[in-house]
Amino acid sequence: MSFTEQGVIRSYLFNSVYENWGVSNIYYRMLEEGKAISSLQSFRNYTNLFYPRTKLSKNKKNRHRIGIRAKKPFEKLHMDVTIYRPLDNTRV
């Protein structure tokens, strides 16, 4: 792909009108206007070059709180109640 074609892709990607658009939507807009001359996958590859994906660092993980803990047996009890309907449509 030539530098002029890459410039056209870059101008569409950095345009404020298409700021919240998806990549494939921008590609199809370019296709409607006659500016796209590559396949969608090639367009995605150049998009990844212009907008490299940044990964979250490992220290930004969701830290779960420790739940309720019992210090001895039968200190805290937990029950789960489920209503089940068998084939005869009665409640169990």
Protein backbone atom coordinates (compact mmCIF):
# COMPACT_ATOMS: atom_id res chain seq x y z
CA MET A 1 0.00 0.00 0.00
CA SER A 2 1.44 3.37 -0.98
CA PHE A 3 2.04 6.30 1.34
CA THR A 4 -0.89 8.24 -0.13
CA GLU A 5 -3.26 5.35 0.59
CA GLN A 6 -1.91 5.11 4.13
CA GLY A 7 -2.44 8.86 4.49
CA VAL A 8 -6.09 8.47 3.46
CA ILE A 9 -6.58 5.73 6.07
CA ARG A 10 -4.87 7.85 8.70
CA SER A 11 -7.01 10.89 7.86
CA TYR A 12 -10.18 8.85 8.36
CA LEU A 13 -8.94 7.30 11.60
CA PHE A 14 -7.90 10.61 13.15
CA ASN A 15 -11.00 12.49 11.97
CA SER A 16 -13.08 13.73 14.94
CA VAL A 17 -16.32 12.85 13.12
CA TYR A 18 -15.46 9.15 13.25
CA GLU A 19 -13.96 9.25 16.74
CA ASN A 20 -16.44 6.82 18.33
CA TRP A 21 -16.99 4.65 15.27
CA GLY A 22 -15.82 1.07 14.97
CA VAL A 23 -13.03 0.14 12.58
CA SER A 24 -15.25 -1.76 10.17
CA ASN A 25 -17.77 1.11 10.10
CA ILE A 26 -15.02 3.54 9.08
CA TYR A 27 -13.90 1.09 6.39
CA TYR A 28 -17.40 0.81 4.93
CA ARG A 29 -17.75 4.61 4.99
CA MET A 30 -14.53 4.80 2.99
CA LEU A 31 -15.92 2.15 0.64
CA GLU A 32 -19.09 4.20 0.10
CA GLU A 33 -17.06 7.29 -0.71
CA GLY A 34 -14.74 5.38 -3.05
CA LYS A 35 -11.64 5.90 -0.92
CA ALA A 36 -11.10 2.29 0.21
CA ILE A 37 -8.99 0.21 -2.15
CA SER A 38 -8.04 -2.66 0.14
CA SER A 39 -9.82 -5.45 1.91
CA LEU A 40 -11.24 -5.08 5.41
CA GLN A 41 -8.49 -7.25 6.90
CA SER A 42 -5.76 -5.10 5.33
CA PHE A 43 -7.53 -2.02 6.68
CA ARG A 44 -7.57 -3.59 10.16
CA ASN A 45 -3.84 -4.35 9.91
CA TYR A 46 -3.03 -0.73 9.09
CA THR A 47 -5.37 0.41 11.86
CA ASN A 48 -3.37 -1.69 14.31
CA LEU A 49 -0.21 0.01 13.07
CA PHE A 50 -1.65 3.50 13.60
CA TYR A 51 -3.44 2.64 16.88
CA PRO A 52 -1.39 0.01 18.71
CA ARG A 53 -3.40 -1.77 21.37
CA THR A 54 -2.19 -1.17 24.87
CA LYS A 55 -2.57 -3.94 27.40
CA LEU A 56 -3.42 -3.31 31.02
CA SER A 57 -0.57 -3.80 33.38
CA LYS A 58 -0.87 -6.67 35.83
CA ASN A 59 -1.17 -4.44 38.88
CA LYS A 60 -4.55 -3.10 37.67
CA LYS A 61 -6.34 -6.37 38.34
CA ASN A 62 -9.61 -6.37 40.22
CA ARG A 63 -8.79 -7.05 43.86
CA HIS A 64 -11.51 -9.14 45.47
CA ARG A 65 -12.30 -8.60 49.12
CA ILE A 66 -12.14 -11.53 51.48
CA GLY A 67 -15.62 -12.74 52.33
CA ILE A 68 -17.09 -13.75 55.68
CA ARG A 69 -14.90 -16.28 57.49
CA ALA A 70 -15.78 -18.53 60.43
CA LYS A 71 -13.22 -19.12 63.17
CA LYS A 72 -14.78 -22.39 64.41
CA PRO A 73 -17.32 -24.95 63.09
CA PHE A 74 -21.01 -23.95 63.15
CA GLU A 75 -20.16 -20.34 63.98
CA LYS A 76 -21.77 -19.10 60.76
CA LEU A 77 -24.15 -21.15 58.63
CA HIS A 78 -25.15 -20.57 55.04
CA MET A 79 -28.26 -21.91 53.29
CA ASP A 80 -29.28 -21.88 49.67
CA VAL A 81 -33.00 -22.11 48.94
CA THR A 82 -34.03 -23.29 45.48
CA ILE A 83 -37.55 -23.89 44.20
CA TYR A 84 -37.53 -26.82 41.79
CA ARG A 85 -40.45 -27.98 39.63
CA PRO A 86 -40.25 -31.62 38.53
CA LEU A 87 -42.24 -33.07 35.60
CA ASP A 88 -45.49 -33.30 37.62
CA ASN A 89 -45.30 -29.48 38.08
CA THR A 90 -45.24 -29.51 41.88
CA ARG A 91 -42.97 -27.30 43.93
CA VAL A 92 -40.11 -28.90 45.77
